[in-house]
Amino acid sequence: MQLDLIETFLDLMESRSFHLTAERLGITQSTVSTRIRTLEGELGSVLFSRGRSGAAPTAAGKRFEEHARAIKASWGLARQELGSLDRHEGALRIACTVSLMDSLLPDWVDSLLAEMPKLALHVEADYSPQMIDDIAFGNLDLGLLYAPRYLPEIQFDLVLRQQFVLVSSAARQISDIDIASYVRAGYTPSLEKTHSELLPGLSRPRLSVGLDMIAMARLRRHAGSAYVPRHAVDSLIADGLRTVADAPVIEQPVYLAMHIRRRSSVAVKNAARSLRGLIATGKYGS
């Protein structure tokens, strides 16, 4: 399939006008029509209904958009990786959940660059659904994430139980916590469920947040209490907060995800081994 057919299709999905797409791509309107007809012929489906009001995508067109964007992204990734192989002997793309981007991820990157000096490495921080989609489409080799979505082509391995600790600006024990200034950790469904089971009296405060960095920023500006990752506790104590002595530690499972077709890759196996070695130190959880 020619990439110009994909690019023309995606532009037409946005413009809804053969004339406007022709102007934006610097081609004739008849060329746009020919490309779309060619694409429809290859797919065996009508992608747009033509009318005086413009081009409206059909159900098939709307469904194909996701595939078209994945094809374009994969093409760009292939060009980037093949170009890097002129200077390197391998390429790897890794990502981790945003909450680990300032703790485990930097150490993992350092380890990979030290252990594989001829590797071209691309690093991202993202959320579980996007990482899973990227792995499924071949745009990501390894993802360290909180919420697996079980697909037959993706392997998920439980590699870590990240620990979250309750800190407070004033409370020394749970009974001292003022729910009016409490920030509930809504970082993942699993963590929320465990929090509600262990601390039902603190399950309905006014404020809840979906990212631990937001909770920590809030605690640095206002008095209050919240669960934060264990690796962040020392910096918060330095800012005047304290751990709540009798509060339970909440654990969040962390999974390493990879496509089953990539698990035999030397780079992927080495990267997974490097990660497990870091986790085995106990620095990031159990």
Protein backbone atom coordinates (compact mmCIF):
# COMPACT_ATOMS: atom_id res chain seq x y z
CA MET A 1 0.00 0.00 0.00
CA GLN A 2 1.34 3.44 -0.92
CA LEU A 3 1.78 5.87 1.95
CA ASP A 4 0.39 8.77 -0.10
CA LEU A 5 -2.98 6.96 -0.17
CA ILE A 6 -2.98 6.85 3.64
CA GLU A 7 -1.95 10.49 3.99
CA THR A 8 -4.65 11.59 1.55
CA PHE A 9 -7.28 9.54 3.38
CA LEU A 10 -6.33 11.00 6.78
CA ASP A 11 -6.36 14.56 5.46
CA LEU A 12 -9.79 14.00 3.90
CA MET A 13 -11.07 12.64 7.21
CA GLU A 14 -10.20 16.02 8.72
CA SER A 15 -11.17 18.34 5.88
CA ARG A 16 -14.31 16.51 4.64
CA SER A 17 -13.58 18.24 1.33
CA PHE A 18 -11.82 16.91 -1.77
CA HIS A 19 -11.09 20.49 -2.82
CA LEU A 20 -9.59 21.50 0.55
CA THR A 21 -7.51 18.33 0.79
CA ALA A 22 -6.16 18.97 -2.70
CA GLU A 23 -5.12 22.48 -1.67
CA ARG A 24 -3.52 21.32 1.57
CA LEU A 25 -1.54 18.52 -0.10
CA GLY A 26 -0.61 20.56 -3.14
CA ILE A 27 -2.22 18.18 -5.64
CA THR A 28 -5.23 18.32 -7.96
CA GLN A 29 -8.72 17.41 -6.85
CA SER A 30 -8.81 14.61 -9.43
CA THR A 31 -5.64 13.16 -7.84
CA VAL A 32 -7.36 13.13 -4.44
CA SER A 33 -10.34 11.31 -5.97
CA THR A 34 -8.10 8.81 -7.74
CA ARG A 35 -6.14 8.06 -4.55
CA ILE A 36 -9.31 7.51 -2.53
CA ARG A 37 -10.82 5.26 -5.21
CA THR A 38 -7.56 3.29 -5.35
CA LEU A 39 -7.56 2.88 -1.58
CA GLU A 40 -11.22 1.82 -1.60
CA GLY A 41 -10.42 -0.71 -4.30
CA GLU A 42 -7.55 -2.21 -2.28
CA LEU A 43 -9.70 -2.41 0.85
CA GLY A 44 -12.84 -3.55 -0.91
CA SER A 45 -14.91 -0.95 0.98
CA VAL A 46 -16.38 2.49 0.28
CA LEU A 47 -14.71 4.94 2.67
CA PHE A 48 -16.57 8.17 1.84
CA SER A 49 -19.98 9.13 0.57
CA ARG A 50 -19.68 12.01 -1.90
CA GLY A 51 -22.21 14.82 -2.06
CA ARG A 52 -22.63 18.55 -2.52
CA SER A 53 -21.90 19.09 1.15
CA GLY A 54 -18.53 17.38 0.85
CA ALA A 55 -17.12 13.98 1.73
CA ALA A 56 -18.69 12.18 4.68
CA PRO A 57 -16.89 9.09 6.02
CA THR A 58 -18.85 5.87 5.94
CA ALA A 59 -18.83 3.38 8.81
CA ALA A 60 -15.95 1.63 7.04
CA GLY A 61 -14.10 4.92 6.70
CA LYS A 62 -14.46 5.71 10.39
CA ARG A 63 -13.27 2.24 11.31
CA PHE A 64 -10.30 2.40 8.95
CA GLU A 65 -9.06 5.70 10.42
CA GLU A 66 -7.52 3.95 13.43
CA HIS A 67 -5.71 1.49 11.17
CA ALA A 68 -4.54 4.28 8.87
CA ARG A 69 -3.02 6.23 11.73
CA ALA A 70 -1.30 3.07 12.98
CA ILE A 71 0.10 2.39 9.49
CA LYS A 72 1.44 5.94 9.23
CA ALA A 73 2.96 5.78 12.72
CA SER A 74 4.55 2.40 12.01
CA TRP A 75 6.04 3.72 8.78
CA GLY A 76 7.56 6.69 10.59
CA LEU A 77 8.91 4.41 13.29
CA ALA A 78 10.42 2.06 10.71
CA ARG A 79 12.19 4.94 8.96
CA GLN A 80 13.52 6.24 12.27
CA GLU A 81 14.78 2.86 13.43
CA LEU A 82 16.35 1.91 10.10
CA GLY A 83 18.09 5.27 10.02
CA SER A 84 19.47 4.75 13.52
CA LEU A 85 20.85 1.36 12.52
CA ASP A 86 23.31 3.13 10.24
CA ARG A 87 25.03 4.27 13.44
CA HIS A 88 23.89 1.61 15.95
CA GLU A 89 23.54 -2.15 16.08
CA GLY A 90 20.04 -2.30 17.47
CA ALA A 91 17.03 -0.21 18.45
CA LEU A 92 14.62 -0.39 21.36
CA ARG A 93 11.54 1.60 22.39
CA ILE A 94 10.48 1.50 26.04
CA ALA A 95 7.88 3.34 28.11
CA CYS A 96 6.65 3.37 31.68
CA THR A 97 3.66 4.67 33.57
CA VAL A 98 3.94 8.37 34.39
CA SER A 99 4.19 7.70 38.14
CA LEU A 100 7.49 5.84 37.66
CA MET A 101 9.10 8.35 35.32
CA ASP A 102 11.16 10.01 38.05
CA SER A 103 12.28 6.89 39.92
CA LEU A 104 12.55 3.54 38.16
CA LEU A 105 12.62 4.83 34.57
CA PRO A 106 15.82 6.94 34.85
CA ASP A 107 17.65 4.05 36.50
CA TRP A 108 16.43 1.65 33.81
CA VAL A 109 17.63 4.00 31.06
CA ASP A 110 21.04 4.35 32.73
CA SER A 111 21.32 0.59 33.00
CA LEU A 112 20.38 -0.01 29.36
CA LEU A 113 22.77 2.60 28.01
CA ALA A 114 25.60 1.17 30.12
CA GLU A 115 24.90 -2.48 29.32
CA MET A 116 24.17 -2.05 25.60
CA PRO A 117 26.49 0.73 24.33
CA LYS A 118 25.58 0.13 20.66
CA LEU A 119 21.82 0.33 21.24
CA ALA A 120 19.63 3.19 19.94
CA LEU A 121 17.06 3.82 22.69
CA HIS A 122 13.75 5.73 22.60
CA VAL A 123 12.06 6.43 25.95
CA GLU A 124 8.55 7.63 26.81
CA ALA A 125 6.24 7.98 29.81
CA ASP A 126 2.56 7.29 29.16
CA TYR A 127 -0.60 5.69 30.52
CA SER A 128 -1.48 2.01 30.41
CA PRO A 129 -4.12 2.05 27.59
CA GLN A 130 -1.84 3.94 25.18
CA MET A 131 1.17 1.75 25.96
CA ILE A 132 -0.88 -1.38 25.32
CA ASP A 133 -2.11 0.00 21.99
CA ASP A 134 1.44 0.96 21.01
CA ILE A 135 2.72 -2.54 21.82
CA ALA A 136 -0.12 -4.15 19.87
CA PHE A 137 0.61 -1.98 16.81
CA GLY A 138 4.36 -2.56 17.06
CA ASN A 139 5.21 1.02 18.03
CA LEU A 140 6.63 0.04 21.43
CA ASP A 141 8.82 -2.87 22.54
CA LEU A 142 8.37 -2.82 26.32
CA GLY A 143 5.90 -1.05 28.58
CA LEU A 144 5.94 -0.85 32.36
CA LEU A 145 2.32 -0.26 33.35
CA TYR A 146 -0.33 -0.49 36.06
CA ALA A 147 -3.43 -1.80 34.29
CA PRO A 148 -3.05 -4.76 31.90
CA ARG A 149 -5.65 -5.37 29.23
CA TYR A 150 -5.32 -8.98 28.36
CA LEU A 151 -4.88 -9.55 24.63
CA PRO A 152 -3.69 -12.81 23.08
CA GLU A 153 -0.72 -11.17 21.38
CA ILE A 154 0.61 -9.33 24.46
CA GLN A 155 2.45 -10.88 27.38
CA PHE A 156 2.05 -9.27 30.82
CA ASP A 157 4.44 -10.19 33.65
CA LEU A 158 3.96 -8.99 37.21
CA VAL A 159 7.39 -7.56 38.08
CA LEU A 160 6.81 -5.19 40.99
CA ARG A 161 4.43 -4.18 43.75
CA GLN A 162 4.95 -0.45 44.11
CA GLN A 163 4.34 0.81 47.63
CA PHE A 164 2.32 3.90 48.53
CA VAL A 165 2.69 5.50 51.95
CA LEU A 166 0.40 7.94 53.78
CA VAL A 167 2.06 11.27 54.58
CA SER A 168 0.64 14.32 56.30
CA SER A 169 1.52 17.88 57.20
CA ALA A 170 0.20 17.45 60.77
CA ALA A 171 -1.37 14.06 61.54
CA ARG A 172 0.73 11.53 63.41
CA GLN A 173 -1.88 8.77 63.22
CA ILE A 174 -4.96 8.05 61.17
CA SER A 175 -7.35 9.31 63.84
CA ASP A 176 -5.71 12.75 63.58
CA ILE A 177 -6.40 13.16 59.85
CA ASP A 178 -8.79 15.94 58.86
CA ILE A 179 -10.87 14.63 55.96
CA ALA A 180 -11.49 18.22 54.84
CA SER A 181 -7.84 18.48 53.77
CA TYR A 182 -7.37 14.84 52.78
CA VAL A 183 -6.44 14.06 49.17
CA ARG A 184 -7.66 10.61 48.09
CA ALA A 185 -5.34 8.68 45.81
CA GLY A 186 -7.29 7.76 42.68
CA TYR A 187 -4.22 6.80 40.72
CA THR A 188 -5.52 3.40 39.55
CA PRO A 189 -8.74 1.38 40.02
CA SER A 190 -6.74 -1.24 41.94
CA LEU A 191 -5.31 1.32 44.35
CA GLU A 192 -8.70 2.99 44.82
CA LYS A 193 -10.31 -0.35 45.64
CA THR A 194 -7.65 -1.24 48.20
CA HIS A 195 -7.85 2.23 49.74
CA SER A 196 -11.63 1.95 50.17
CA GLU A 197 -11.30 -1.47 51.79
CA LEU A 198 -8.54 -0.44 54.21
CA LEU A 199 -9.67 3.11 55.00
CA PRO A 200 -13.44 3.38 54.46
CA GLY A 201 -13.62 6.47 56.66
CA LEU A 202 -11.36 8.35 54.23
CA SER A 203 -12.90 7.10 51.01
CA ARG A 204 -15.11 10.15 50.32
CA PRO A 205 -13.11 13.35 50.79
CA ARG A 206 -13.81 16.47 48.76
CA LEU A 207 -10.66 16.13 46.67
CA SER A 208 -9.32 13.12 44.82
CA VAL A 209 -6.58 13.10 42.18
CA GLY A 210 -5.56 10.73 39.41
CA LEU A 211 -1.80 11.27 39.53
CA ASP A 212 0.55 11.15 42.51
CA MET A 213 2.48 14.19 41.25
CA ILE A 214 -0.69 16.26 41.62
CA ALA A 215 -1.14 15.04 45.19
CA MET A 216 2.46 15.90 46.06
CA ALA A 217 2.18 19.36 44.51
CA ARG A 218 -0.98 19.94 46.55
CA LEU A 219 0.73 18.88 49.80
CA ARG A 220 3.63 21.22 49.14
CA ARG A 221 1.22 24.16 48.82
CA HIS A 222 -1.45 23.33 51.41
CA ALA A 223 -1.75 21.44 54.67
CA GLY A 224 -3.20 17.99 54.21
CA SER A 225 -2.61 14.26 53.89
CA ALA A 226 -2.30 11.85 50.96
CA TYR A 227 -0.85 8.55 49.82
CA VAL A 228 2.34 8.99 47.78
CA PRO A 229 4.91 6.59 46.30
CA ARG A 230 7.48 5.42 48.82
CA HIS A 231 10.32 6.77 46.70
CA ALA A 232 8.93 10.30 47.13
CA VAL A 233 8.61 10.22 50.92
CA ASP A 234 12.10 11.55 51.73
CA SER A 235 11.64 14.67 49.61
CA LEU A 236 8.27 15.36 51.25
CA ILE A 237 9.72 14.90 54.73
CA ALA A 238 12.37 17.46 53.78
CA ASP A 239 9.48 19.79 52.94
CA GLY A 240 8.02 19.39 56.43
CA LEU A 241 5.61 16.46 56.04
CA ARG A 242 5.68 13.24 58.03
CA THR A 243 4.58 9.66 57.60
CA VAL A 244 1.41 8.58 59.41
CA ALA A 245 2.68 5.86 61.74
CA ASP A 246 -0.31 3.50 61.87
CA ALA A 247 -1.43 3.87 58.24
CA PRO A 248 -1.32 0.71 56.11
CA VAL A 249 1.02 0.60 53.14
CA ILE A 250 -0.93 0.19 49.89
CA GLU A 251 0.65 -1.83 47.09
CA GLN A 252 0.03 -1.30 43.38
CA PRO A 253 0.97 -4.14 40.99
CA VAL A 254 3.22 -3.12 38.10
CA TYR A 255 3.41 -5.22 34.93
CA LEU A 256 6.00 -5.50 32.19
CA ALA A 257 4.25 -5.81 28.82
CA MET A 258 5.67 -6.94 25.49
CA HIS A 259 4.39 -8.35 22.21
CA ILE A 260 4.83 -12.10 22.01
CA ARG A 261 6.58 -11.68 18.65
CA ARG A 262 9.23 -9.47 20.26
CA ARG A 263 9.99 -11.49 23.39
CA SER A 264 12.73 -13.51 21.64
CA SER A 265 14.54 -10.33 20.55
CA VAL A 266 17.98 -10.05 22.14
CA ALA A 267 17.45 -6.36 22.94
CA VAL A 268 14.05 -7.01 24.52
CA LYS A 269 15.36 -9.92 26.60
CA ASN A 270 18.35 -7.89 27.78
CA ALA A 271 16.15 -4.92 28.65
CA ALA A 272 13.75 -7.11 30.62
CA ARG A 273 16.64 -8.74 32.48
CA SER A 274 18.11 -5.32 33.26
CA LEU A 275 14.77 -4.14 34.66
CA ARG A 276 14.34 -7.21 36.84
CA GLY A 277 17.85 -6.72 38.18
CA LEU A 278 16.99 -3.19 39.28
CA ILE A 279 13.72 -4.32 40.87
CA ALA A 280 15.53 -7.10 42.75
CA THR A 281 17.43 -4.47 44.75
CA GLY A 282 14.17 -3.71 46.61
CA LYS A 283 14.58 0.02 46.03
CA TYR A 284 11.24 0.44 44.25
CA GLY A 285 8.94 -1.92 46.15
CA SER A 286 8.44 -5.61 46.75
